[in-house]
Amino acid sequence: MKTKTRAVKKSSPTKTASKNAGPKKATARKAQEPTHKNLDIYGAKPLPWSRALKQLERSTSGTYWLATTSPDSRPHVAAVGALWIDGKIYFVTGSNTRKGRNLAANPKCVFSVSLTGIDLVLEGGAVRVTDRPTLLRLAKRYAAQGWPASVSGTAITAEYSAPSAGPAPWNLYVVRPSTVFGVSTAEPSGATRWRFESAR
């Protein structure tokens, strides 16, 4: 009888753990959603993040403007051919360009882009991508959009690029936004700030 009693006691924590498995997963999902603050001063409701995300995922032609800061604190803004993939912004630039040198000294940066019905400003930090699988995946995505990119060592290369990108090869960077500001340019109107706690 003592053995049976012990068996019952051992099985009890297992049942408790399985009951708690559901809520833990639900909490993890909620942590991935951004918190928001309504910035509208005219009574409009907060914009849902899904509205901004839909346009980011749909757009392949929007021009992204990248703002960086030089070592002497001067701001620098340049257009870049960026891609939004899996909640991150990917872009390329040469090491010797002004923005490339700025990012080497200070990875903090800001993107702005005007999409259908909404203007966005995305803040974050740029990290250089050097792993081959990601480089190959992004080169393929660029090529699918008309820019014949390929991988050369730990960078991206092609027969041509924007003059502001500098000579090939180009470093690939990724930015996971930490804060995003959205202003509606079509009904329903509104202005909202979203913050992502898990941004890295």
N, C-alpha and C. Protein backbone atom coordinates (compact mmCIF):
# COMPACT_ATOMS: atom_id res chain seq x y z
N MET A 1 0.82 -1.21 0.00
CA MET A 1 0.00 0.00 0.00
C MET A 1 0.86 1.26 0.00
N LYS A 2 2.02 1.19 0.61
CA LYS A 2 2.90 2.35 0.60
C LYS A 2 3.38 2.66 -0.81
N THR A 3 3.65 1.60 -1.56
CA THR A 3 4.11 1.79 -2.94
C THR A 3 3.04 2.47 -3.78
N LYS A 4 1.77 2.05 -3.62
CA LYS A 4 0.66 2.66 -4.37
C LYS A 4 0.52 4.13 -3.99
N THR A 5 0.67 4.44 -2.71
CA THR A 5 0.55 5.83 -2.25
C THR A 5 1.62 6.70 -2.89
N ARG A 6 2.85 6.17 -2.95
CA ARG A 6 3.93 6.92 -3.56
C ARG A 6 3.66 7.15 -5.05
N ALA A 7 3.14 6.14 -5.73
CA ALA A 7 2.86 6.26 -7.17
C ALA A 7 1.85 7.36 -7.42
N VAL A 8 0.85 7.47 -6.56
CA VAL A 8 -0.17 8.50 -6.71
C VAL A 8 0.44 9.87 -6.52
N LYS A 9 1.33 10.01 -5.56
CA LYS A 9 1.96 11.30 -5.29
C LYS A 9 2.84 11.72 -6.45
N LYS A 10 3.53 10.77 -7.07
CA LYS A 10 4.41 11.09 -8.19
C LYS A 10 3.63 11.54 -9.41
N SER A 11 2.45 10.95 -9.62
CA SER A 11 1.67 11.29 -10.81
C SER A 11 0.98 12.64 -10.68
N SER A 12 0.79 13.10 -9.46
CA SER A 12 0.07 14.34 -9.23
C SER A 12 0.76 15.56 -9.85
N PRO A 13 2.11 15.77 -9.67
CA PRO A 13 2.76 16.93 -10.27
C PRO A 13 2.70 16.91 -11.78
N THR A 14 2.77 15.69 -12.38
CA THR A 14 2.72 15.58 -13.84
C THR A 14 1.41 16.10 -14.37
N LYS A 15 0.30 15.75 -13.72
CA LYS A 15 -1.01 16.23 -14.15
C LYS A 15 -1.10 17.74 -14.00
N THR A 16 -0.53 18.25 -12.92
CA THR A 16 -0.56 19.70 -12.70
C THR A 16 0.23 20.42 -13.77
N ALA A 17 1.40 19.86 -14.14
CA ALA A 17 2.24 20.49 -15.16
C ALA A 17 1.53 20.51 -16.50
N SER A 18 0.84 19.41 -16.86
CA SER A 18 0.14 19.37 -18.14
C SER A 18 -1.01 20.35 -18.18
N LYS A 19 -1.66 20.57 -17.02
CA LYS A 19 -2.75 21.53 -16.98
C LYS A 19 -2.24 22.94 -17.18
N ASN A 20 -1.01 23.22 -16.69
CA ASN A 20 -0.44 24.56 -16.81
C ASN A 20 0.23 24.81 -18.15
N ALA A 21 0.40 23.75 -18.97
CA ALA A 21 1.10 23.91 -20.24
C ALA A 21 0.36 24.86 -21.17
N GLY A 22 -0.97 24.78 -21.18
CA GLY A 22 -1.77 25.64 -22.04
C GLY A 22 -1.59 27.12 -21.76
N PRO A 23 -1.79 27.59 -20.54
CA PRO A 23 -1.63 29.00 -20.21
C PRO A 23 -0.24 29.53 -20.49
N LYS A 24 0.81 28.69 -20.29
CA LYS A 24 2.16 29.15 -20.55
C LYS A 24 2.35 29.46 -22.03
N LYS A 25 1.80 28.64 -22.91
CA LYS A 25 1.90 28.88 -24.35
C LYS A 25 1.15 30.14 -24.73
N ALA A 26 0.00 30.33 -24.13
CA ALA A 26 -0.81 31.51 -24.42
C ALA A 26 -0.07 32.77 -24.01
N THR A 27 0.62 32.74 -22.86
CA THR A 27 1.38 33.89 -22.39
C THR A 27 2.51 34.21 -23.35
N ALA A 28 3.17 33.17 -23.89
CA ALA A 28 4.27 33.38 -24.82
C ALA A 28 3.78 34.07 -26.09
N ARG A 29 2.60 33.69 -26.56
CA ARG A 29 2.05 34.31 -27.77
C ARG A 29 1.77 35.78 -27.53
N LYS A 30 1.20 36.10 -26.35
CA LYS A 30 0.87 37.49 -26.05
C LYS A 30 2.12 38.35 -25.97
N ALA A 31 3.24 37.77 -25.49
CA ALA A 31 4.47 38.54 -25.34
C ALA A 31 5.02 39.00 -26.69
N GLN A 32 4.67 38.29 -27.77
CA GLN A 32 5.16 38.64 -29.10
C GLN A 32 4.38 39.80 -29.70
N GLU A 33 3.20 40.07 -29.20
CA GLU A 33 2.40 41.18 -29.71
C GLU A 33 2.90 42.49 -29.11
N PRO A 34 2.93 43.56 -29.90
CA PRO A 34 3.43 44.83 -29.35
C PRO A 34 2.42 45.48 -28.42
N THR A 35 2.94 46.24 -27.48
CA THR A 35 2.06 47.10 -26.68
C THR A 35 1.83 48.35 -27.52
N HIS A 36 0.75 49.07 -27.25
CA HIS A 36 0.47 50.24 -28.08
C HIS A 36 0.03 51.43 -27.23
N LYS A 37 0.22 52.61 -27.82
CA LYS A 37 -0.25 53.85 -27.21
C LYS A 37 -0.92 54.67 -28.29
N ASN A 38 -2.12 55.14 -28.01
CA ASN A 38 -2.85 55.97 -28.97
C ASN A 38 -2.26 57.38 -28.97
N LEU A 39 -1.79 57.84 -30.12
CA LEU A 39 -1.20 59.17 -30.24
C LEU A 39 -2.14 60.16 -30.91
N ASP A 40 -3.32 59.71 -31.29
CA ASP A 40 -4.26 60.58 -31.99
C ASP A 40 -4.88 61.59 -31.01
N ILE A 41 -5.00 62.84 -31.45
CA ILE A 41 -5.54 63.89 -30.58
C ILE A 41 -6.96 64.32 -31.00
N TYR A 42 -7.53 63.60 -31.96
CA TYR A 42 -8.84 63.99 -32.47
C TYR A 42 -9.93 62.96 -32.18
N GLY A 43 -9.64 62.03 -31.29
CA GLY A 43 -10.66 61.07 -30.88
C GLY A 43 -10.67 59.77 -31.65
N ALA A 44 -9.75 59.56 -32.57
CA ALA A 44 -9.72 58.31 -33.33
C ALA A 44 -9.21 57.17 -32.44
N LYS A 45 -9.63 55.97 -32.74
CA LYS A 45 -9.20 54.81 -31.98
C LYS A 45 -7.76 54.44 -32.36
N PRO A 46 -7.08 53.68 -31.48
CA PRO A 46 -5.73 53.23 -31.82
C PRO A 46 -5.74 52.39 -33.10
N LEU A 47 -4.71 52.53 -33.90
CA LEU A 47 -4.60 51.70 -35.10
C LEU A 47 -4.15 50.31 -34.69
N PRO A 48 -4.74 49.26 -35.23
CA PRO A 48 -4.28 47.91 -34.90
C PRO A 48 -2.95 47.62 -35.59
N TRP A 49 -2.07 46.92 -34.91
CA TRP A 49 -0.79 46.56 -35.51
C TRP A 49 -1.00 45.73 -36.77
N SER A 50 -2.06 44.96 -36.83
CA SER A 50 -2.34 44.13 -38.00
C SER A 50 -2.47 44.96 -39.27
N ARG A 51 -2.93 46.19 -39.14
CA ARG A 51 -3.06 47.07 -40.31
C ARG A 51 -1.69 47.43 -40.86
N ALA A 52 -0.77 47.81 -39.99
CA ALA A 52 0.59 48.14 -40.42
C ALA A 52 1.29 46.90 -40.96
N LEU A 53 1.14 45.78 -40.25
CA LEU A 53 1.80 44.54 -40.65
C LEU A 53 1.33 44.08 -42.02
N LYS A 54 0.04 44.22 -42.30
CA LYS A 54 -0.50 43.82 -43.60
C LYS A 54 0.18 44.57 -44.73
N GLN A 55 0.38 45.86 -44.55
CA GLN A 55 1.02 46.67 -45.60
C GLN A 55 2.52 46.37 -45.70
N LEU A 56 3.17 46.12 -44.58
CA LEU A 56 4.58 45.77 -44.62
C LEU A 56 4.81 44.46 -45.36
N GLU A 57 3.94 43.49 -45.11
CA GLU A 57 4.09 42.19 -45.75
C GLU A 57 3.69 42.22 -47.22
N ARG A 58 2.78 43.11 -47.57
CA ARG A 58 2.28 43.18 -48.94
C ARG A 58 3.20 43.97 -49.85
N SER A 59 3.83 45.02 -49.31
CA SER A 59 4.59 45.95 -50.14
C SER A 59 5.93 45.38 -50.59
N THR A 60 6.21 45.52 -51.89
CA THR A 60 7.52 45.16 -52.44
C THR A 60 8.12 46.35 -53.19
N SER A 61 7.40 47.47 -53.19
CA SER A 61 7.86 48.61 -53.97
C SER A 61 8.06 49.89 -53.13
N GLY A 62 7.70 49.87 -51.87
CA GLY A 62 7.84 51.07 -51.04
C GLY A 62 9.32 51.40 -50.81
N THR A 63 9.66 52.69 -50.90
CA THR A 63 11.04 53.11 -50.64
C THR A 63 11.25 53.31 -49.15
N TYR A 64 12.23 52.63 -48.61
CA TYR A 64 12.59 52.78 -47.20
C TYR A 64 13.69 53.82 -47.09
N TRP A 65 13.50 54.77 -46.19
CA TRP A 65 14.52 55.78 -45.93
C TRP A 65 15.20 55.44 -44.61
N LEU A 66 16.52 55.26 -44.66
CA LEU A 66 17.30 54.86 -43.50
C LEU A 66 18.00 56.07 -42.90
N ALA A 67 17.79 56.31 -41.61
CA ALA A 67 18.45 57.40 -40.90
C ALA A 67 19.48 56.81 -39.93
N THR A 68 20.72 57.29 -40.06
CA THR A 68 21.79 56.87 -39.15
C THR A 68 22.44 58.13 -38.56
N THR A 69 23.34 57.93 -37.63
CA THR A 69 24.02 59.06 -36.99
C THR A 69 25.52 58.90 -37.14
N SER A 70 26.17 59.95 -37.61
CA SER A 70 27.62 59.92 -37.79
C SER A 70 28.31 60.08 -36.43
N PRO A 71 29.60 59.72 -36.34
CA PRO A 71 30.32 59.85 -35.07
C PRO A 71 30.31 61.25 -34.47
N ASP A 72 30.17 62.29 -35.34
CA ASP A 72 30.11 63.66 -34.80
C ASP A 72 28.67 64.11 -34.55
N SER A 73 27.75 63.12 -34.49
CA SER A 73 26.33 63.33 -34.14
C SER A 73 25.49 63.95 -35.26
N ARG A 74 26.03 64.07 -36.46
CA ARG A 74 25.21 64.58 -37.56
C ARG A 74 24.29 63.48 -38.08
N PRO A 75 23.04 63.79 -38.36
CA PRO A 75 22.13 62.79 -38.92
C PRO A 75 22.41 62.59 -40.40
N HIS A 76 22.13 61.39 -40.87
CA HIS A 76 22.29 61.06 -42.29
C HIS A 76 21.10 60.22 -42.73
N VAL A 77 20.50 60.58 -43.86
CA VAL A 77 19.33 59.85 -44.37
C VAL A 77 19.60 59.42 -45.81
N ALA A 78 19.28 58.17 -46.13
CA ALA A 78 19.47 57.66 -47.48
C ALA A 78 18.41 56.63 -47.80
N ALA A 79 17.99 56.58 -49.05
CA ALA A 79 17.03 55.57 -49.49
C ALA A 79 17.76 54.24 -49.67
N VAL A 80 17.13 53.16 -49.25
CA VAL A 80 17.72 51.82 -49.41
C VAL A 80 16.64 50.86 -49.92
N GLY A 81 17.10 49.85 -50.64
CA GLY A 81 16.18 48.81 -51.10
C GLY A 81 16.02 47.77 -50.01
N ALA A 82 15.00 47.93 -49.19
CA ALA A 82 14.82 47.06 -48.03
C ALA A 82 13.72 46.04 -48.26
N LEU A 83 13.80 44.95 -47.52
CA LEU A 83 12.80 43.90 -47.57
C LEU A 83 12.29 43.63 -46.16
N TRP A 84 10.97 43.52 -46.01
CA TRP A 84 10.36 43.15 -44.73
C TRP A 84 10.07 41.66 -44.77
N ILE A 85 10.76 40.89 -43.92
CA ILE A 85 10.60 39.44 -43.90
C ILE A 85 10.55 38.96 -42.45
N ASP A 86 9.48 38.25 -42.10
CA ASP A 86 9.36 37.65 -40.77
C ASP A 86 9.57 38.65 -39.64
N GLY A 87 8.98 39.83 -39.78
CA GLY A 87 9.05 40.82 -38.71
C GLY A 87 10.35 41.58 -38.62
N LYS A 88 11.18 41.51 -39.66
CA LYS A 88 12.47 42.19 -39.66
C LYS A 88 12.70 42.90 -41.00
N ILE A 89 13.55 43.93 -40.96
CA ILE A 89 13.92 44.67 -42.15
C ILE A 89 15.33 44.26 -42.55
N TYR A 90 15.49 43.84 -43.81
CA TYR A 90 16.81 43.51 -44.34
C TYR A 90 17.19 44.56 -45.39
N PHE A 91 18.46 44.94 -45.43
CA PHE A 91 18.94 45.88 -46.43
C PHE A 91 20.44 45.68 -46.63
N VAL A 92 20.97 46.23 -47.72
CA VAL A 92 22.40 46.10 -48.00
C VAL A 92 23.02 47.48 -48.18
N THR A 93 24.30 47.57 -47.88
CA THR A 93 25.08 48.77 -48.16
C THR A 93 26.55 48.41 -48.08
N GLY A 94 27.38 49.22 -48.73
CA GLY A 94 28.81 48.98 -48.71
C GLY A 94 29.45 49.45 -47.41
N SER A 95 30.57 48.86 -47.07
CA SER A 95 31.27 49.21 -45.83
C SER A 95 31.76 50.65 -45.81
N ASN A 96 32.10 51.18 -46.99
CA ASN A 96 32.69 52.52 -47.05
C ASN A 96 31.68 53.62 -47.34
N THR A 97 30.41 53.30 -47.41
CA THR A 97 29.40 54.34 -47.59
C THR A 97 29.23 55.08 -46.27
N ARG A 98 28.65 56.26 -46.33
CA ARG A 98 28.43 57.02 -45.10
C ARG A 98 27.56 56.23 -44.13
N LYS A 99 26.46 55.64 -44.62
CA LYS A 99 25.59 54.89 -43.72
C LYS A 99 26.27 53.64 -43.19
N GLY A 100 27.12 53.01 -44.02
CA GLY A 100 27.85 51.83 -43.57
C GLY A 100 28.83 52.17 -42.46
N ARG A 101 29.54 53.28 -42.61
CA ARG A 101 30.48 53.72 -41.57
C ARG A 101 29.74 54.15 -40.30
N ASN A 102 28.59 54.81 -40.50
CA ASN A 102 27.80 55.22 -39.34
C ASN A 102 27.33 54.01 -38.53
N LEU A 103 26.84 52.98 -39.24
CA LEU A 103 26.33 51.79 -38.55
C LEU A 103 27.44 51.03 -37.84
N ALA A 104 28.64 51.07 -38.39
CA ALA A 104 29.78 50.40 -37.74
C ALA A 104 30.09 51.07 -36.40
N ALA A 105 29.87 52.38 -36.33
CA ALA A 105 30.15 53.12 -35.10
C ALA A 105 28.96 53.13 -34.15
N ASN A 106 27.76 53.14 -34.71
CA ASN A 106 26.53 53.20 -33.90
C ASN A 106 25.41 52.49 -34.66
N PRO A 107 25.05 51.27 -34.26
CA PRO A 107 24.05 50.49 -34.99
C PRO A 107 22.61 50.98 -34.87
N LYS A 108 22.36 51.92 -33.95
CA LYS A 108 20.99 52.42 -33.80
C LYS A 108 20.59 53.19 -35.06
N CYS A 109 19.38 52.92 -35.54
CA CYS A 109 18.93 53.55 -36.76
C CYS A 109 17.40 53.65 -36.79
N VAL A 110 16.91 54.38 -37.78
CA VAL A 110 15.47 54.57 -37.95
C VAL A 110 15.13 54.44 -39.42
N PHE A 111 14.04 53.73 -39.71
CA PHE A 111 13.51 53.62 -41.07
C PHE A 111 12.20 54.37 -41.15
N SER A 112 11.94 54.98 -42.28
CA SER A 112 10.60 55.53 -42.54
C SER A 112 10.16 55.03 -43.91
N VAL A 113 8.89 54.73 -44.03
CA VAL A 113 8.35 54.23 -45.29
C VAL A 113 6.89 54.63 -45.40
N SER A 114 6.48 55.02 -46.60
CA SER A 114 5.10 55.39 -46.86
C SER A 114 4.45 54.24 -47.62
N LEU A 115 3.46 53.60 -47.00
CA LEU A 115 2.77 52.46 -47.60
C LEU A 115 1.31 52.81 -47.87
N THR A 116 0.58 51.91 -48.45
CA THR A 116 -0.81 52.17 -48.78
C THR A 116 -1.63 52.45 -47.53
N GLY A 117 -2.08 53.69 -47.37
CA GLY A 117 -2.95 54.05 -46.26
C GLY A 117 -2.27 54.29 -44.94
N ILE A 118 -0.94 54.17 -44.89
CA ILE A 118 -0.27 54.36 -43.60
C ILE A 118 1.21 54.71 -43.79
N ASP A 119 1.68 55.67 -43.01
CA ASP A 119 3.10 56.02 -42.96
C ASP A 119 3.69 55.43 -41.69
N LEU A 120 4.88 54.84 -41.81
CA LEU A 120 5.50 54.19 -40.66
C LEU A 120 6.91 54.70 -40.41
N VAL A 121 7.27 54.77 -39.14
CA VAL A 121 8.64 55.05 -38.71
C VAL A 121 9.03 53.89 -37.78
N LEU A 122 10.13 53.21 -38.11
CA LEU A 122 10.54 52.02 -37.38
C LEU A 122 11.92 52.21 -36.79
N GLU A 123 12.03 52.08 -35.47
CA GLU A 123 13.30 52.26 -34.77
C GLU A 123 13.89 50.91 -34.38
N GLY A 124 15.23 50.83 -34.42
CA GLY A 124 15.87 49.59 -34.01
C GLY A 124 17.37 49.68 -34.12
N GLY A 125 18.03 48.53 -34.10
CA GLY A 125 19.48 48.48 -34.23
C GLY A 125 19.85 47.52 -35.34
N ALA A 126 20.79 47.93 -36.20
CA ALA A 126 21.20 47.11 -37.34
C ALA A 126 22.30 46.12 -36.94
N VAL A 127 22.13 44.89 -37.37
CA VAL A 127 23.11 43.83 -37.11
C VAL A 127 23.53 43.25 -38.45
N ARG A 128 24.82 43.14 -38.68
CA ARG A 128 25.28 42.57 -39.95
C ARG A 128 25.02 41.07 -39.98
N VAL A 129 24.53 40.59 -41.12
CA VAL A 129 24.23 39.17 -41.32
C VAL A 129 25.38 38.54 -42.10
N THR A 130 25.95 37.46 -41.54
CA THR A 130 27.06 36.79 -42.22
C THR A 130 26.82 35.30 -42.42
N ASP A 131 25.75 34.74 -41.86
CA ASP A 131 25.53 33.30 -42.03
C ASP A 131 25.01 33.01 -43.43
N ARG A 132 25.60 32.02 -44.07
CA ARG A 132 25.34 31.73 -45.48
C ARG A 132 23.87 31.40 -45.79
N PRO A 133 23.18 30.60 -44.97
CA PRO A 133 21.77 30.30 -45.30
C PRO A 133 20.91 31.56 -45.42
N THR A 134 21.10 32.52 -44.50
CA THR A 134 20.32 33.75 -44.56
C THR A 134 20.73 34.59 -45.77
N LEU A 135 22.03 34.67 -46.05
CA LEU A 135 22.50 35.40 -47.21
C LEU A 135 21.90 34.83 -48.50
N LEU A 136 21.89 33.52 -48.62
CA LEU A 136 21.33 32.87 -49.81
C LEU A 136 19.83 33.13 -49.93
N ARG A 137 19.14 33.06 -48.79
CA ARG A 137 17.69 33.28 -48.80
C ARG A 137 17.36 34.70 -49.23
N LEU A 138 18.12 35.68 -48.73
CA LEU A 138 17.84 37.07 -49.07
C LEU A 138 18.25 37.39 -50.50
N ALA A 139 19.36 36.81 -50.96
CA ALA A 139 19.78 37.03 -52.35
C ALA A 139 18.70 36.50 -53.30
N LYS A 140 18.12 35.38 -52.94
CA LYS A 140 17.04 34.80 -53.75
C LYS A 140 15.82 35.71 -53.77
N ARG A 141 15.49 36.30 -52.62
CA ARG A 141 14.35 37.21 -52.54
C ARG A 141 14.59 38.47 -53.38
N TYR A 142 15.80 39.00 -53.30
CA TYR A 142 16.13 40.18 -54.11
C TYR A 142 16.04 39.83 -55.60
N ALA A 143 16.59 38.68 -55.97
CA ALA A 143 16.57 38.26 -57.37
C ALA A 143 15.14 38.09 -57.88
N ALA A 144 14.26 37.59 -57.03
CA ALA A 144 12.87 37.39 -57.42
C ALA A 144 12.17 38.72 -57.70
N GLN A 145 12.70 39.80 -57.15
CA GLN A 145 12.11 41.12 -57.37
C GLN A 145 12.82 41.91 -58.47
N GLY A 146 13.76 41.25 -59.16
CA GLY A 146 14.38 41.91 -60.31
C GLY A 146 15.81 42.35 -60.14
N TRP A 147 16.35 42.28 -58.93
CA TRP A 147 17.75 42.64 -58.73
C TRP A 147 18.56 41.35 -58.68
N PRO A 148 19.44 41.09 -59.66
CA PRO A 148 20.14 39.80 -59.76
C PRO A 148 21.24 39.62 -58.71
N ALA A 149 20.85 39.54 -57.48
CA ALA A 149 21.81 39.42 -56.37
C ALA A 149 22.25 37.98 -56.19
N SER A 150 23.49 37.82 -55.71
CA SER A 150 24.03 36.51 -55.36
C SER A 150 24.95 36.68 -54.16
N VAL A 151 25.43 35.58 -53.63
CA VAL A 151 26.27 35.62 -52.43
C VAL A 151 27.74 35.52 -52.81
N SER A 152 28.55 36.36 -52.19
CA SER A 152 30.00 36.33 -52.38
C SER A 152 30.64 36.37 -51.00
N GLY A 153 31.14 35.23 -50.54
CA GLY A 153 31.72 35.15 -49.20
C GLY A 153 30.67 35.40 -48.14
N THR A 154 30.82 36.48 -47.38
CA THR A 154 29.85 36.82 -46.33
C THR A 154 29.08 38.10 -46.70
N ALA A 155 28.92 38.33 -48.00
CA ALA A 155 28.24 39.54 -48.45
C ALA A 155 27.40 39.25 -49.69
N ILE A 156 26.72 40.27 -50.16
CA ILE A 156 25.87 40.19 -51.35
C ILE A 156 26.57 40.91 -52.50
N THR A 157 26.46 40.34 -53.70
CA THR A 157 27.03 40.99 -54.87
C THR A 157 26.04 40.92 -56.03
N ALA A 158 26.31 41.73 -57.05
CA ALA A 158 25.48 41.75 -58.26
C ALA A 158 26.21 42.58 -59.30
N GLU A 159 25.71 42.57 -60.52
CA GLU A 159 26.33 43.34 -61.60
C GLU A 159 26.16 44.84 -61.38
N TYR A 160 25.11 45.21 -60.66
CA TYR A 160 24.84 46.63 -60.43
C TYR A 160 24.04 46.80 -59.14
N SER A 161 23.99 48.03 -58.66
CA SER A 161 23.14 48.40 -57.52
C SER A 161 22.97 49.91 -57.56
N ALA A 162 22.29 50.44 -56.56
CA ALA A 162 22.12 51.89 -56.49
C ALA A 162 23.48 52.55 -56.27
N PRO A 163 23.73 53.69 -56.91
CA PRO A 163 25.02 54.38 -56.73
C PRO A 163 25.35 54.65 -55.26
N SER A 164 24.33 54.88 -54.45
CA SER A 164 24.57 55.20 -53.03
C SER A 164 25.00 53.98 -52.22
N ALA A 165 24.92 52.78 -52.82
CA ALA A 165 25.31 51.57 -52.09
C ALA A 165 26.82 51.35 -52.13
N GLY A 166 27.52 52.07 -52.99
CA GLY A 166 28.97 51.87 -53.10
C GLY A 166 29.27 50.65 -53.96
N PRO A 167 30.55 50.38 -54.20
CA PRO A 167 30.92 49.23 -55.03
C PRO A 167 30.67 47.90 -54.33
N ALA A 168 30.44 46.85 -55.12
CA ALA A 168 30.24 45.50 -54.57
C ALA A 168 31.54 44.99 -53.95
N PRO A 169 31.44 44.03 -53.00
CA PRO A 169 30.22 43.44 -52.45
C PRO A 169 29.59 44.33 -51.38
N TRP A 170 28.33 44.00 -51.04
CA TRP A 170 27.60 44.80 -50.06
C TRP A 170 27.26 43.96 -48.84
N ASN A 171 27.38 44.57 -47.67
CA ASN A 171 27.02 43.89 -46.43
C ASN A 171 25.51 43.83 -46.30
N LEU A 172 25.02 42.71 -45.80
CA LEU A 172 23.60 42.55 -45.51
C LEU A 172 23.37 42.83 -44.04
N TYR A 173 22.38 43.66 -43.75
CA TYR A 173 22.03 44.00 -42.37
C TYR A 173 20.58 43.61 -42.09
N VAL A 174 20.30 43.38 -40.82
CA VAL A 174 18.94 43.11 -40.40
C VAL A 174 18.61 44.01 -39.21
N VAL A 175 17.38 44.51 -39.20
CA VAL A 175 16.88 45.33 -38.10
C VAL A 175 15.56 44.74 -37.62
N ARG A 176 15.51 44.42 -36.34
CA ARG A 176 14.25 43.99 -35.73
C ARG A 176 13.69 45.20 -34.98
N PRO A 177 12.61 45.80 -35.48
CA PRO A 177 12.10 47.04 -34.86
C PRO A 177 11.78 46.87 -33.38
N SER A 178 12.17 47.87 -32.61
CA SER A 178 11.83 47.89 -31.19
C SER A 178 10.63 48.80 -30.94
N THR A 179 10.52 49.86 -31.73
CA THR A 179 9.40 50.79 -31.64
C THR A 179 8.97 51.20 -33.04
N VAL A 180 7.66 51.25 -33.25
CA VAL A 180 7.12 51.65 -34.56
C VAL A 180 6.05 52.70 -34.34
N PHE A 181 6.10 53.77 -35.13
CA PHE A 181 5.07 54.80 -35.12
C PHE A 181 4.29 54.71 -36.42
N GLY A 182 2.97 54.75 -36.33
CA GLY A 182 2.14 54.69 -37.52
C GLY A 182 1.15 55.84 -37.57
N VAL A 183 1.05 56.48 -38.73
CA VAL A 183 0.07 57.55 -38.94
C VAL A 183 -0.75 57.19 -40.16
N SER A 184 -2.05 57.11 -39.97
CA SER A 184 -2.94 56.75 -41.06
C SER A 184 -3.01 57.85 -42.10
N THR A 185 -3.00 57.47 -43.39
CA THR A 185 -3.18 58.42 -44.48
C THR A 185 -4.48 58.13 -45.25
N ALA A 186 -5.30 57.24 -44.67
CA ALA A 186 -6.60 56.90 -45.25
C ALA A 186 -7.52 56.48 -44.12
N GLU A 187 -8.80 56.54 -44.35
CA GLU A 187 -9.77 56.14 -43.32
C GLU A 187 -9.66 54.65 -43.03
N PRO A 188 -9.83 54.23 -41.78
CA PRO A 188 -10.02 55.07 -40.59
C PRO A 188 -8.73 55.75 -40.18
N SER A 189 -8.84 56.97 -39.73
CA SER A 189 -7.67 57.77 -39.37
C SER A 189 -7.16 57.37 -37.99
N GLY A 190 -5.97 57.87 -37.68
CA GLY A 190 -5.41 57.59 -36.36
C GLY A 190 -3.90 57.67 -36.37
N ALA A 191 -3.33 57.62 -35.18
CA ALA A 191 -1.87 57.62 -35.01
C ALA A 191 -1.56 56.79 -33.77
N THR A 192 -0.62 55.87 -33.90
CA THR A 192 -0.35 54.92 -32.82
C THR A 192 1.14 54.61 -32.74
N ARG A 193 1.60 54.36 -31.50
CA ARG A 193 2.96 53.88 -31.29
C ARG A 193 2.89 52.44 -30.78
N TRP A 194 3.70 51.57 -31.38
CA TRP A 194 3.78 50.18 -30.94
C TRP A 194 5.19 49.91 -30.42
N ARG A 195 5.28 49.17 -29.32
CA ARG A 195 6.58 48.80 -28.77
C ARG A 195 6.68 47.28 -28.67
N PHE A 196 7.86 46.76 -29.07
CA PHE A 196 8.09 45.33 -29.08
C PHE A 196 9.13 45.02 -28.00
N GLU A 197 8.67 44.39 -26.94
CA GLU A 197 9.56 44.12 -25.79
C GLU A 197 10.63 43.09 -26.10
N SER A 198 10.33 42.16 -27.02
CA SER A 198 11.27 41.08 -27.31
C SER A 198 12.21 41.39 -28.46
N ALA A 199 12.25 42.66 -28.93
CA ALA A 199 13.12 43.00 -30.06
C ALA A 199 14.58 42.80 -29.70
N ARG A 200 15.33 42.24 -30.64
CA ARG A 200 16.76 41.98 -30.42
C ARG A 200 17.52 42.40 -31.65
